[in-house]
N, C-alpha and C. Protein backbone atom coordinates (compact mmCIF):
# COMPACT_ATOMS: atom_id res chain seq x y z
N MET A 1 0.75 -1.20 -0.09
CA MET A 1 0.11 0.14 -0.09
C MET A 1 1.11 1.19 0.02
N THR A 2 0.76 2.14 -0.78
CA THR A 2 1.27 3.35 -1.00
C THR A 2 1.16 4.17 0.27
N MET A 3 1.84 5.24 0.42
CA MET A 3 1.42 6.17 1.34
C MET A 3 0.03 7.19 1.18
N THR A 4 -0.27 7.29 0.08
CA THR A 4 -1.17 8.22 -0.39
C THR A 4 -2.52 7.15 0.00
N GLU A 5 -2.49 5.87 -0.36
CA GLU A 5 -3.74 4.94 -0.16
C GLU A 5 -3.71 4.93 1.38
N PHE A 6 -2.42 4.57 2.20
CA PHE A 6 -2.53 4.88 3.73
C PHE A 6 -3.39 5.89 4.14
N ILE A 7 -2.80 6.79 4.02
CA ILE A 7 -3.43 8.20 4.42
C ILE A 7 -5.05 8.01 4.03
N THR A 8 -5.36 8.03 2.80
CA THR A 8 -6.76 7.90 2.36
C THR A 8 -7.39 7.02 3.47
N LYS A 9 -7.17 6.05 3.60
CA LYS A 9 -8.06 4.74 4.63
C LYS A 9 -7.86 5.01 5.70
N VAL A 10 -6.83 5.86 6.63
CA VAL A 10 -6.98 6.51 7.82
C VAL A 10 -8.08 7.62 7.93
N ASN A 11 -7.92 8.42 7.03
CA ASN A 11 -8.99 9.45 6.86
C ASN A 11 -10.52 9.13 6.74
N GLU A 12 -10.66 7.85 6.30
CA GLU A 12 -11.82 7.35 6.26
C GLU A 12 -12.54 7.11 7.72
N PHE A 13 -11.57 6.83 8.80
CA PHE A 13 -12.28 6.54 10.22
C PHE A 13 -12.50 7.75 10.93
N LYS A 14 -14.15 7.95 11.16
CA LYS A 14 -14.50 9.28 11.73
C LYS A 14 -13.58 9.76 12.80
N GLY A 15 -13.54 11.13 12.44
CA GLY A 15 -12.83 11.59 13.86
C GLY A 15 -11.06 11.43 14.00
N TYR A 16 -10.77 10.87 12.60
CA TYR A 16 -9.01 10.62 12.54
C TYR A 16 -8.80 11.25 11.29
N ARG A 17 -7.47 11.72 11.28
CA ARG A 17 -6.91 11.81 10.12
C ARG A 17 -5.33 11.91 10.27
N ALA A 18 -4.99 11.72 8.89
CA ALA A 18 -3.39 11.29 8.71
C ALA A 18 -2.85 12.63 7.70
N GLU A 19 -1.50 12.91 8.42
CA GLU A 19 -0.92 13.80 7.40
C GLU A 19 0.73 13.39 7.67
N TYR A 20 1.49 13.66 6.15
CA TYR A 20 2.61 13.31 5.83
C TYR A 20 3.54 14.49 5.94
N SER A 21 4.67 14.51 6.56
CA SER A 21 5.31 15.50 6.57
C SER A 21 6.63 15.10 6.10
N LYS A 22 6.70 15.98 4.86
CA LYS A 22 8.00 15.38 4.10
C LYS A 22 9.26 15.81 4.65
N GLU A 23 9.23 17.09 5.27
CA GLU A 23 10.32 17.57 6.28
C GLU A 23 10.79 16.65 7.64
N ASN A 24 9.70 15.79 7.88
CA ASN A 24 10.37 14.92 9.13
C ASN A 24 10.21 13.70 8.52
N ASN A 25 9.79 13.58 7.30
CA ASN A 25 9.63 11.99 6.87
C ASN A 25 8.65 11.03 7.54
N ARG A 26 7.72 11.80 8.08
CA ARG A 26 6.76 10.99 9.39
C ARG A 26 5.37 11.00 9.05
N VAL A 27 4.63 9.93 9.12
CA VAL A 27 3.03 9.97 9.13
C VAL A 27 2.50 10.55 10.54
N PHE A 28 1.82 11.39 10.43
CA PHE A 28 1.41 11.71 11.52
C PHE A 28 -0.32 11.39 11.79
N ILE A 29 -0.51 10.97 12.85
CA ILE A 29 -2.00 10.81 12.76
C ILE A 29 -2.69 11.12 14.25
N PHE A 30 -3.59 11.99 13.73
CA PHE A 30 -4.69 13.10 14.75
C PHE A 30 -6.06 12.60 15.00
N LYS A 31 -6.36 12.95 16.31
CA LYS A 31 -7.89 12.28 16.42
C LYS A 31 -8.57 13.69 16.83
N GLU A 32 -9.67 13.94 16.66
CA GLU A 32 -10.55 15.10 16.76
C GLU A 32 -10.73 15.22 18.12
N GLY A 33 -10.64 16.35 18.64
CA GLY A 33 -10.73 17.04 20.22
C GLY A 33 -9.16 16.49 20.82
N GLU A 34 -8.33 15.73 20.29
CA GLU A 34 -7.40 15.93 20.76
C GLU A 34 -6.27 16.63 20.65
N PRO A 35 -5.63 17.34 21.37
CA PRO A 35 -4.58 18.23 21.24
C PRO A 35 -3.26 18.30 20.37
N PHE A 36 -2.91 16.85 20.39
CA PHE A 36 -1.50 16.39 20.33
C PHE A 36 -1.75 15.26 19.33
N THR A 37 -0.71 15.20 18.47
CA THR A 37 -0.88 13.92 17.58
C THR A 37 -0.95 12.43 18.50
N ILE A 38 -1.83 11.73 17.92
CA ILE A 38 -1.88 10.45 18.62
C ILE A 38 -1.10 9.13 18.20
N CYS A 39 -0.73 9.50 17.11
CA CYS A 39 0.36 8.16 16.58
C CYS A 39 1.50 8.95 15.61
N LYS A 40 2.57 8.59 15.63
CA LYS A 40 3.69 8.68 14.81
C LYS A 40 4.31 7.77 14.18
N ILE A 41 4.55 7.90 12.82
CA ILE A 41 4.79 6.51 12.42
C ILE A 41 6.47 7.30 11.62
N PHE A 42 7.41 6.76 11.85
CA PHE A 42 8.73 7.29 11.67
C PHE A 42 9.06 6.28 10.44
N LEU A 43 9.39 6.95 9.35
CA LEU A 43 10.04 6.51 8.10
C LEU A 43 11.05 6.35 7.64
N GLU A 44 12.15 6.40 8.71
CA GLU A 44 13.61 6.83 8.31
C GLU A 44 14.33 5.60 7.95
N ARG A 45 14.56 5.59 6.79
CA ARG A 45 15.39 4.79 6.12
C ARG A 45 14.49 3.16 6.28
N LYS A 46 15.11 1.84 6.74
CA LYS A 46 14.40 0.86 6.58
C LYS A 46 13.72 0.82 8.05
N ALA A 47 14.42 1.30 8.94
CA ALA A 47 13.69 1.44 10.08
C ALA A 47 11.95 1.70 10.13
N LYS A 48 11.40 1.09 11.06
CA LYS A 48 10.00 1.34 11.28
C LYS A 48 9.46 1.73 12.58
N TYR A 49 9.14 2.81 12.91
CA TYR A 49 8.77 2.92 14.67
C TYR A 49 7.59 3.57 14.67
N MET A 50 6.68 3.33 15.69
CA MET A 50 5.49 3.79 15.68
C MET A 50 5.48 4.20 17.24
N LEU A 51 5.01 5.44 17.41
CA LEU A 51 5.04 5.93 18.66
C LEU A 51 3.28 6.34 19.12
N PHE A 52 2.40 5.74 20.06
CA PHE A 52 1.30 6.10 20.11
C PHE A 52 0.96 6.51 21.57
N THR A 53 -0.18 7.55 21.64
CA THR A 53 -0.06 8.16 22.92
C THR A 53 -1.55 8.09 23.08
N THR A 54 -2.51 7.28 22.77
CA THR A 54 -3.82 6.95 23.19
C THR A 54 -4.18 5.41 22.43
N GLU A 55 -5.46 5.01 22.96
CA GLU A 55 -5.92 3.81 22.36
C GLU A 55 -6.60 4.02 21.15
N LEU A 56 -6.40 3.14 20.29
CA LEU A 56 -7.20 3.47 18.89
C LEU A 56 -8.03 2.24 18.82
N PRO A 57 -9.16 2.26 17.70
CA PRO A 57 -9.95 1.52 17.17
C PRO A 57 -9.07 0.19 16.96
N SER A 58 -9.60 -0.96 17.13
CA SER A 58 -8.71 -2.00 16.33
C SER A 58 -8.47 -2.17 15.04
N GLU A 59 -9.47 -1.72 14.41
CA GLU A 59 -9.52 -1.51 12.99
C GLU A 59 -8.22 -0.70 12.35
N LEU A 60 -8.33 0.60 13.15
CA LEU A 60 -7.62 1.57 12.83
C LEU A 60 -5.80 1.24 13.00
N PHE A 61 -5.78 0.65 14.08
CA PHE A 61 -4.70 -0.08 14.71
C PHE A 61 -3.94 -0.78 13.77
N ASN A 62 -4.93 -2.04 13.00
CA ASN A 62 -4.37 -3.02 12.31
C ASN A 62 -4.12 -2.51 10.91
N LEU A 63 -4.61 -1.63 10.63
CA LEU A 63 -4.33 -0.96 9.21
C LEU A 63 -2.73 0.12 9.47
N ILE A 64 -2.59 0.84 10.81
CA ILE A 64 -1.52 1.31 11.08
C ILE A 64 -0.34 -0.14 11.00
N ALA A 65 -0.61 -0.97 11.75
CA ALA A 65 0.68 -1.96 11.67
C ALA A 65 0.85 -2.68 10.46
N ASP A 66 -0.39 -2.82 9.48
CA ASP A 66 -0.15 -3.42 8.08
C ASP A 66 0.89 -2.58 7.47
N TYR A 67 0.25 -1.36 7.36
CA TYR A 67 1.09 -0.42 6.51
C TYR A 67 2.53 -0.27 7.01
N SER A 68 2.74 -0.05 8.62
CA SER A 68 4.42 -0.02 9.07
C SER A 68 5.18 -1.26 8.76
N ILE A 69 4.87 -2.33 8.42
CA ILE A 69 5.56 -3.68 8.16
C ILE A 69 5.55 -3.56 6.40
N SER A 70 4.77 -2.90 5.82
CA SER A 70 4.70 -3.16 4.39
C SER A 70 6.07 -2.70 3.79
N ASP A 71 6.24 -3.60 2.56
CA ASP A 71 7.67 -2.99 1.74
C ASP A 71 7.12 -2.22 0.82
N ASN A 72 5.95 -1.94 0.61
CA ASN A 72 5.79 -0.95 -0.10
C ASN A 72 5.53 0.62 -0.20
N ARG A 73 5.82 1.00 1.16
CA ARG A 73 5.76 2.11 1.61
C ARG A 73 6.29 3.21 0.75
N LYS A 74 5.91 4.02 0.40
CA LYS A 74 6.43 5.29 -0.56
C LYS A 74 6.02 6.53 -0.11
N GLU A 75 6.95 7.43 -0.47
CA GLU A 75 6.83 8.90 -0.14
C GLU A 75 5.80 9.11 -0.91
N LEU A 76 4.84 10.61 -0.78
CA LEU A 76 3.80 11.02 -1.70
C LEU A 76 4.75 11.57 -3.06
């Protein structure tokens, strides 16, 4: 799944949105009403890191997990 496809799928979850930061090479996920990023996916080199600051719906968590281990991750 490409990054664009991933961001589109995250944005389909009511109350959540994903944004890619080319400057930081990270995907940020926000939850409506939360003042901070709830998930950061670090895309540095081949390393894949995720930082969560709140619980997520299981479907959204699974989508993030599937994307983070995908070999097809591409920048926008």
